């Protein structure tokens, strides 16, 4: 059985496992651990990343076959939203220019 599909998303892509291809776990310190298993695709990642807080940032990773990415929330106010400000709902506001 191939892990590459021409069809919909699904756990069949990782044979022999009941574990989800991507999962999140909040640690006792408030960090968000995102686990990615072989067979996960872009659709899986987009769906699970959408569950993370908007102000979380990537801090570290570990693992070999199953990769674990650790995200941490910015303490206090989000860095990109000024006090008493309202963030734009325009999709272009989500991108940052590169120097």
Protein backbone atom coordinates (compact mmCIF):
# COMPACT_ATOMS: atom_id res chain seq x y z
CA UNK A 1 0.00 0.00 0.00
CA UNK A 2 1.40 3.39 -1.00
CA UNK A 3 1.32 6.36 1.38
CA UNK A 4 0.75 8.68 -1.59
CA UNK A 5 -2.89 9.27 -2.40
CA UNK A 6 -4.88 10.57 -5.30
CA UNK A 7 -7.95 10.74 -3.07
CA UNK A 8 -9.12 12.38 0.14
CA UNK A 9 -7.25 12.78 3.43
CA UNK A 10 -7.32 9.83 5.79
CA UNK A 11 -5.42 7.74 8.31
CA UNK A 12 -5.00 4.89 5.79
CA UNK A 13 -1.80 6.64 4.66
CA UNK A 14 0.13 5.29 7.65
CA UNK A 15 -0.38 1.52 7.61
CA UNK A 16 -0.81 -0.32 10.89
CA UNK A 17 -1.48 2.63 13.14
CA UNK A 18 -4.50 3.99 14.94
CA UNK A 19 -2.66 7.18 15.93
CA UNK A 20 -3.62 10.36 14.09
CA UNK A 21 -1.17 11.63 11.47
CA UNK A 22 -1.00 15.00 13.24
CA UNK A 23 -1.94 15.85 16.82
CA UNK A 24 -1.50 18.62 19.37
CA UNK A 25 -0.93 18.40 23.10
CA UNK A 26 -0.72 21.25 25.62
CA UNK A 27 2.00 20.64 28.22
CA UNK A 28 1.80 21.61 31.91
CA UNK A 29 3.91 24.70 31.06
CA UNK A 30 1.41 25.85 28.42
CA UNK A 31 3.55 24.90 25.41
CA UNK A 32 1.75 23.43 22.43
CA UNK A 33 3.40 20.28 21.04
CA UNK A 34 2.44 19.40 17.47
CA UNK A 35 3.30 15.82 16.45
CA UNK A 36 3.60 14.96 12.75
CA UNK A 37 3.72 11.31 11.67
CA UNK A 38 4.84 9.93 8.30
CA UNK A 39 2.01 10.11 5.79
CA UNK A 40 0.74 13.53 6.92
CA UNK A 41 0.16 15.97 4.09
CA UNK A 42 -0.40 19.70 3.72
CA UNK A 43 -4.14 19.41 4.40
CA UNK A 44 -3.45 17.64 7.69
CA UNK A 45 -0.92 20.28 8.73
CA UNK A 46 -3.15 23.22 7.82
CA UNK A 47 -6.03 21.73 9.81
CA UNK A 48 -3.94 21.16 12.94
CA UNK A 49 -2.06 24.49 12.72
CA UNK A 50 -5.41 26.28 12.71
CA UNK A 51 -6.04 24.91 16.22
CA UNK A 52 -2.94 26.65 17.65
CA UNK A 53 -3.28 30.10 19.25
CA UNK A 54 -2.66 32.91 16.75
CA UNK A 55 0.16 34.36 18.88
CA UNK A 56 2.05 31.06 19.28
CA UNK A 57 5.56 30.93 17.85
CA UNK A 58 7.85 28.00 17.01
CA UNK A 59 10.53 27.42 19.65
CA UNK A 60 12.05 23.97 19.16
CA UNK A 61 11.65 20.52 17.67
CA UNK A 62 12.60 16.96 18.51
CA UNK A 63 12.02 13.47 17.22
CA UNK A 64 13.22 11.38 14.35
CA UNK A 65 10.44 9.61 12.47
CA UNK A 66 7.60 11.31 14.33
CA UNK A 67 8.54 14.99 14.39
CA UNK A 68 7.40 17.09 17.34
CA UNK A 69 7.29 20.87 16.92
CA UNK A 70 6.93 22.99 20.06
CA UNK A 71 5.07 26.30 19.93
CA UNK A 72 4.90 28.79 22.78
CA UNK A 73 2.56 31.73 23.25
CA UNK A 74 3.97 35.22 23.64
CA UNK A 75 3.47 36.25 27.27
CA UNK A 76 1.30 39.34 27.66
CA UNK A 77 0.00 41.13 24.60
CA UNK A 78 0.58 39.72 21.10
CA UNK A 79 3.65 41.35 19.51
CA UNK A 80 1.91 42.34 16.27
CA UNK A 81 -1.16 44.06 17.78
CA UNK A 82 -0.60 47.47 19.39
CA UNK A 83 -2.42 48.27 22.66
CA UNK A 84 -5.98 49.48 21.97
CA UNK A 85 -5.50 48.52 18.32
CA UNK A 86 -7.62 46.29 16.15
CA UNK A 87 -5.86 43.85 13.85
CA UNK A 88 -6.89 43.99 10.20
CA UNK A 89 -9.09 41.19 8.88
CA UNK A 90 -7.58 41.68 5.41
CA UNK A 91 -5.71 38.51 4.29
CA UNK A 92 -2.79 40.68 3.16
CA UNK A 93 -2.26 41.71 6.79
CA UNK A 94 -1.14 38.18 7.59
CA UNK A 95 1.99 38.50 5.44
CA UNK A 96 5.14 40.35 6.42
CA UNK A 97 7.52 41.89 3.89
CA UNK A 98 10.98 40.39 3.83
CA UNK A 99 13.96 42.76 4.05
